[in-house]
Protein backbone atom coordinates (compact mmCIF):
# COMPACT_ATOMS: atom_id res chain seq x y z
CA MET A 1 -24.74 33.54 2.52
CA LYS A 2 -23.00 32.15 -0.52
CA LEU A 3 -19.69 32.13 1.33
CA ILE A 4 -21.00 30.23 4.35
CA ALA A 5 -22.86 27.83 2.07
CA SER A 6 -19.65 27.14 0.19
CA LEU A 7 -17.55 26.74 3.35
CA PRO A 8 -18.02 22.93 3.55
CA LEU A 9 -17.05 22.69 -0.10
CA ARG A 10 -13.94 24.77 0.51
CA LEU A 11 -12.95 22.58 3.45
CA ALA A 12 -13.60 19.46 1.38
CA SER A 13 -11.37 20.85 -1.36
CA LEU A 14 -8.60 21.33 1.17
CA LEU A 15 -9.05 17.74 2.35
CA VAL A 16 -8.81 16.53 -1.23
CA ALA A 17 -5.59 18.50 -1.65
CA VAL A 18 -4.16 16.82 1.44
CA SER A 19 -5.30 13.34 0.39
CA SER A 20 -4.03 13.80 -3.17
CA ALA A 21 -0.68 12.64 -1.87
CA HIS A 22 -2.20 9.13 -1.74
CA ALA A 23 0.07 6.85 -3.71
CA GLY A 24 -1.36 4.91 -6.62
CA LEU A 25 -0.31 1.27 -6.33
CA VAL A 26 -1.28 -1.07 -9.17
CA ASN A 27 -2.61 -4.59 -8.59
CA GLY A 28 -1.94 -4.68 -4.85
CA SER A 29 -4.10 -7.78 -4.40
CA PHE A 30 -2.43 -9.64 -7.29
CA GLU A 31 -5.67 -10.14 -9.22
CA SER A 32 -4.02 -9.68 -12.62
CA PRO A 33 -3.37 -11.71 -14.64
CA ASP A 34 -6.42 -13.80 -13.80
CA VAL A 35 -5.45 -17.44 -13.22
CA THR A 36 -8.82 -18.65 -11.94
CA GLY A 37 -9.59 -20.26 -15.30
CA ASP A 38 -6.35 -22.27 -15.43
CA ALA A 39 -6.37 -26.03 -14.91
CA PRO A 40 -6.26 -27.14 -11.24
CA ASP A 41 -3.14 -28.74 -9.82
CA ILE A 42 -2.96 -32.35 -11.00
CA ASN A 43 -2.51 -33.58 -7.43
CA ASN A 44 -4.97 -31.27 -5.69
CA ASN A 45 -8.15 -29.84 -7.19
CA ASN A 46 -8.51 -27.32 -4.35
CA TYR A 47 -6.22 -24.78 -5.96
CA VAL A 48 -4.95 -23.34 -9.23
CA TYR A 49 -1.55 -21.76 -9.74
CA ARG A 50 0.53 -20.23 -12.51
CA PHE A 51 4.29 -19.74 -12.43
CA VAL A 52 5.25 -16.07 -12.96
CA SER A 53 8.47 -14.17 -13.56
CA GLY A 54 9.72 -10.81 -14.81
CA THR A 55 6.75 -8.54 -15.47
CA ASP A 56 4.11 -11.28 -15.68
CA VAL A 57 2.27 -9.86 -12.65
CA THR A 58 0.57 -6.63 -13.74
CA GLY A 59 2.33 -3.55 -12.34
CA TRP A 60 5.09 -5.55 -10.63
CA THR A 61 8.56 -6.87 -11.44
CA LEU A 62 9.79 -10.20 -10.09
CA GLN A 63 13.37 -11.29 -9.75
CA GLY A 64 15.21 -14.19 -8.16
CA THR A 65 16.14 -17.80 -8.69
CA GLY A 66 12.98 -19.51 -7.48
CA THR A 67 9.60 -20.05 -9.11
CA PRO A 68 6.99 -17.65 -7.68
CA SER A 69 3.38 -18.16 -8.68
CA LEU A 70 -0.05 -16.60 -8.54
CA TYR A 71 -2.61 -18.89 -6.96
CA THR A 72 -6.28 -19.15 -6.11
CA GLY A 73 -7.98 -21.53 -3.72
CA GLU A 74 -6.31 -23.12 -0.69
CA VAL A 75 -2.63 -23.94 -1.10
CA TYR A 76 -0.97 -25.77 1.79
CA GLY A 77 -3.35 -24.24 4.30
CA VAL A 78 -3.45 -20.66 2.96
CA THR A 79 -6.24 -19.00 0.96
CA PRO A 80 -5.92 -15.48 -0.52
CA HIS A 81 -6.31 -12.68 2.01
CA SER A 82 -8.41 -10.50 -0.29
CA GLY A 83 -9.91 -11.02 -3.72
CA ASN A 84 -9.42 -14.31 -5.51
CA GLN A 85 -5.64 -14.51 -5.80
CA ALA A 86 -2.42 -14.10 -3.84
CA LEU A 87 1.30 -14.29 -4.62
CA TYR A 88 3.39 -17.26 -3.59
CA LEU A 89 6.83 -15.69 -3.20
CA GLY A 90 8.62 -18.95 -2.52
CA GLY A 91 10.06 -21.31 -5.07
CA VAL A 92 12.45 -24.20 -5.32
CA ASN A 93 14.05 -24.62 -1.87
CA ALA A 94 12.69 -21.19 -0.98
CA GLY A 95 12.01 -22.35 2.56
CA LEU A 96 15.75 -22.50 3.13
CA ASN A 97 17.24 -20.14 0.60
CA GLY A 98 14.74 -17.37 -0.12
CA GLY A 99 16.01 -14.97 -2.75
CA ASN A 100 12.85 -14.03 -4.65
CA SER A 101 11.61 -10.45 -4.59
CA ILE A 102 8.88 -8.34 -6.17
CA PHE A 103 8.87 -4.56 -6.57
CA GLN A 104 6.87 -1.69 -8.02
CA THR A 105 7.59 2.00 -8.72
CA PHE A 106 4.87 4.57 -8.05
CA ALA A 107 4.34 8.34 -7.92
CA THR A 108 5.02 10.16 -4.65
CA ILE A 109 5.23 13.72 -3.38
CA PRO A 110 8.62 14.72 -1.93
CA SER A 111 8.71 15.14 1.87
CA THR A 112 5.37 13.31 2.24
CA VAL A 113 5.23 10.39 4.65
CA TYR A 114 3.77 7.15 3.25
CA THR A 115 2.79 3.91 4.97
CA VAL A 116 2.96 0.57 3.20
CA SER A 117 0.55 -2.05 4.50
CA TYR A 118 0.62 -5.69 3.45
CA ASN A 119 -0.28 -9.17 4.62
CA ALA A 120 2.07 -12.16 4.71
CA ALA A 121 1.55 -15.79 5.67
CA VAL A 122 3.49 -19.05 5.82
CA MET A 123 2.23 -21.94 3.74
CA GLY A 124 3.27 -25.55 4.01
CA ALA A 125 5.27 -27.00 6.89
CA PRO A 126 5.06 -25.28 10.33
CA TYR A 127 8.30 -23.32 10.19
CA ASN A 128 8.57 -19.54 10.35
CA GLN A 129 9.79 -17.53 7.38
CA PHE A 130 11.69 -14.27 7.04
CA MET A 131 11.19 -11.35 4.67
CA GLU A 132 12.38 -7.78 4.16
CA THR A 133 10.45 -4.73 2.94
CA THR A 134 12.44 -1.83 1.48
CA ALA A 135 11.54 1.57 0.04
CA TYR A 136 13.89 3.12 -2.53
CA ASP A 137 14.13 6.57 -4.02
CA GLY A 138 13.43 6.68 -7.74
CA THR A 139 12.73 3.94 -10.28
CA GLY A 140 13.63 0.32 -9.53
CA ILE A 141 15.66 -1.10 -6.67
CA GLY A 142 18.99 0.44 -7.62
CA GLY A 143 18.27 3.78 -5.99
CA THR A 144 19.01 5.07 -2.52
CA THR A 145 17.35 3.14 0.30
CA ILE A 146 15.05 5.50 2.20
CA ALA A 147 13.54 2.95 4.62
CA THR A 148 13.82 -0.76 5.35
CA SER A 149 12.17 -3.16 7.74
CA GLY A 150 15.25 -5.30 8.10
CA SER A 151 14.58 -9.01 8.55
CA ILE A 152 10.98 -9.63 9.66
CA GLU A 153 9.95 -13.02 11.01
CA ILE A 154 6.60 -14.21 9.68
CA GLN A 155 5.30 -16.77 12.13
CA GLU A 156 3.54 -19.89 10.94
CA LEU A 157 0.54 -19.36 13.29
CA SER A 158 -1.52 -22.12 11.66
CA HIS A 159 -1.20 -20.38 8.27
CA GLN A 160 -2.88 -17.16 9.43
CA TRP A 161 -2.31 -13.89 7.59
CA GLN A 162 -0.32 -11.24 9.46
CA GLU A 163 -0.51 -7.54 8.64
CA LYS A 164 2.77 -5.61 8.52
CA THR A 165 3.61 -1.98 7.76
CA LEU A 166 6.56 0.18 6.72
CA SER A 167 6.60 3.99 6.76
CA PHE A 168 8.95 6.18 4.74
CA THR A 169 9.36 9.80 3.65
CA ALA A 170 9.47 10.24 -0.12
CA SER A 171 12.54 12.01 -1.48
CA SER A 172 11.34 12.60 -5.03
CA ALA A 173 8.42 12.21 -7.43
CA LEU A 174 8.99 8.46 -7.79
CA SER A 175 9.57 5.78 -5.16
CA THR A 176 9.85 1.99 -5.29
CA ILE A 177 8.70 -0.62 -2.78
CA GLU A 178 10.26 -4.10 -2.70
CA PHE A 179 9.22 -7.26 -0.84
CA LYS A 180 11.96 -9.86 -0.55
CA ASN A 181 11.73 -13.46 0.61
CA LEU A 182 14.71 -14.16 2.90
CA GLY A 183 13.84 -17.82 3.36
CA GLY A 184 13.50 -19.73 6.59
CA PHE A 185 14.91 -22.68 8.39
CA GLY A 186 14.37 -26.35 8.86
CA TYR A 187 12.22 -27.32 5.90
CA THR A 188 12.17 -26.61 2.18
CA ASP A 189 8.38 -26.91 1.83
CA SER A 190 7.66 -23.99 4.13
CA ALA A 191 7.38 -20.78 2.12
CA LEU A 192 6.12 -17.20 2.07
CA THR A 193 2.97 -15.81 0.46
CA LEU A 194 1.96 -12.15 0.05
CA ASP A 195 -1.34 -10.31 -0.49
CA SER A 196 -3.29 -7.07 0.08
CA VAL A 197 -0.52 -4.53 -0.52
CA SER A 198 -1.55 -0.88 -0.22
CA ILE A 199 0.19 2.47 0.19
CA SER A 200 -1.31 5.62 1.67
CA ALA A 201 -0.08 9.08 2.55
CA VAL A 202 0.18 10.18 6.17
CA PRO A 203 -0.63 13.92 6.26
CA GLU A 204 1.81 15.97 8.31
CA PRO A 205 0.42 17.99 11.29
CA SER A 206 1.15 21.14 9.25
CA ALA A 207 -1.36 19.97 6.65
CA TYR A 208 -4.11 19.77 9.25
CA ALA A 209 -3.00 23.11 10.71
CA GLY A 210 -3.32 24.71 7.29
CA LEU A 211 -6.73 23.13 6.81
CA PHE A 212 -7.95 24.42 10.19
CA ALA A 213 -6.50 27.89 9.63
CA GLY A 214 -8.14 28.08 6.20
CA GLY A 215 -11.51 27.17 7.68
CA LEU A 216 -11.20 29.75 10.46
CA GLY A 217 -10.16 32.42 7.99
CA ALA A 218 -13.17 31.79 5.76
CA PHE A 219 -15.53 31.78 8.75
CA GLY A 220 -14.01 35.00 10.13
CA PHE A 221 -14.44 36.71 6.78
CA TYR A 222 -18.06 35.60 6.72
CA ARG A 223 -18.71 36.98 10.23
CA ARG A 224 -17.18 40.36 9.38
CA THR A 225 -19.22 40.57 6.19
CA GLN A 226 -22.41 39.74 8.04
CA ALA A 227 -21.67 42.37 10.72
CA ARG A 228 -21.21 45.10 8.10
CA ARG A 229 -24.38 44.05 6.31
CA SER A 230 -26.42 44.08 9.53
CA LYS A 231 -25.11 47.55 10.38
CA ALA A 232 -26.00 48.84 6.92
CA LEU A 233 -29.55 47.50 7.23
CA ALA A 234 -29.98 49.02 10.68
CA HIS A 235 -28.70 52.47 9.61
CA PRO A 236 -29.28 52.79 5.86
CA SER A 237 -28.68 56.56 5.85
CA THR A 238 -25.16 56.14 7.25
CA ALA A 239 -24.13 53.15 5.15
CA ALA A 240 -21.09 53.85 3.02
């Protein structure tokens, strides 16, 4: 009885083992540092922003020639997708030139498939923007590229958020994800904003097969044990 009672727990433990490949991404909604207490824009009280660079954004590294910022409230038609803040990945003439990127390194399990999910939107003038998402092996963006989206067009769509994904297979214990603003066309005040970044493991079919086989094995052992016990109770004089 103890074995069958513990069977759900054993199966749950196997599920935890499979899901332990879930990558730990820090500050995916860009809530840190908190800029909500900063002074509002002098020309528009509907939003607050703070210029950021380097490692100002917790868990992330920024690089490029523009002036990215964290913002809260409605900026040129776009409010944060989740939480209170989002990242404006544009900058000076970013609508034409792009160039800014943000990246983070996180722990992965080799040969495990991961899916990056994120939301992007176009703020400002009604012109589409372009971005690229790349996964690298190891620390930073100098390692081997293991997956890339290539140039993705983010449509203006009345400033609506659009969810995008990128899947990759980890090569080592550390991987890096980078989001790069490639710019746009036609207008310098049209720029890219990013929010709600998350990374999750995609269990291989073999993981589910192992889980199922483990459950069947435990159940089979329980049935055999019960059969022997029933036989012993029915014929106590012949029980070994």
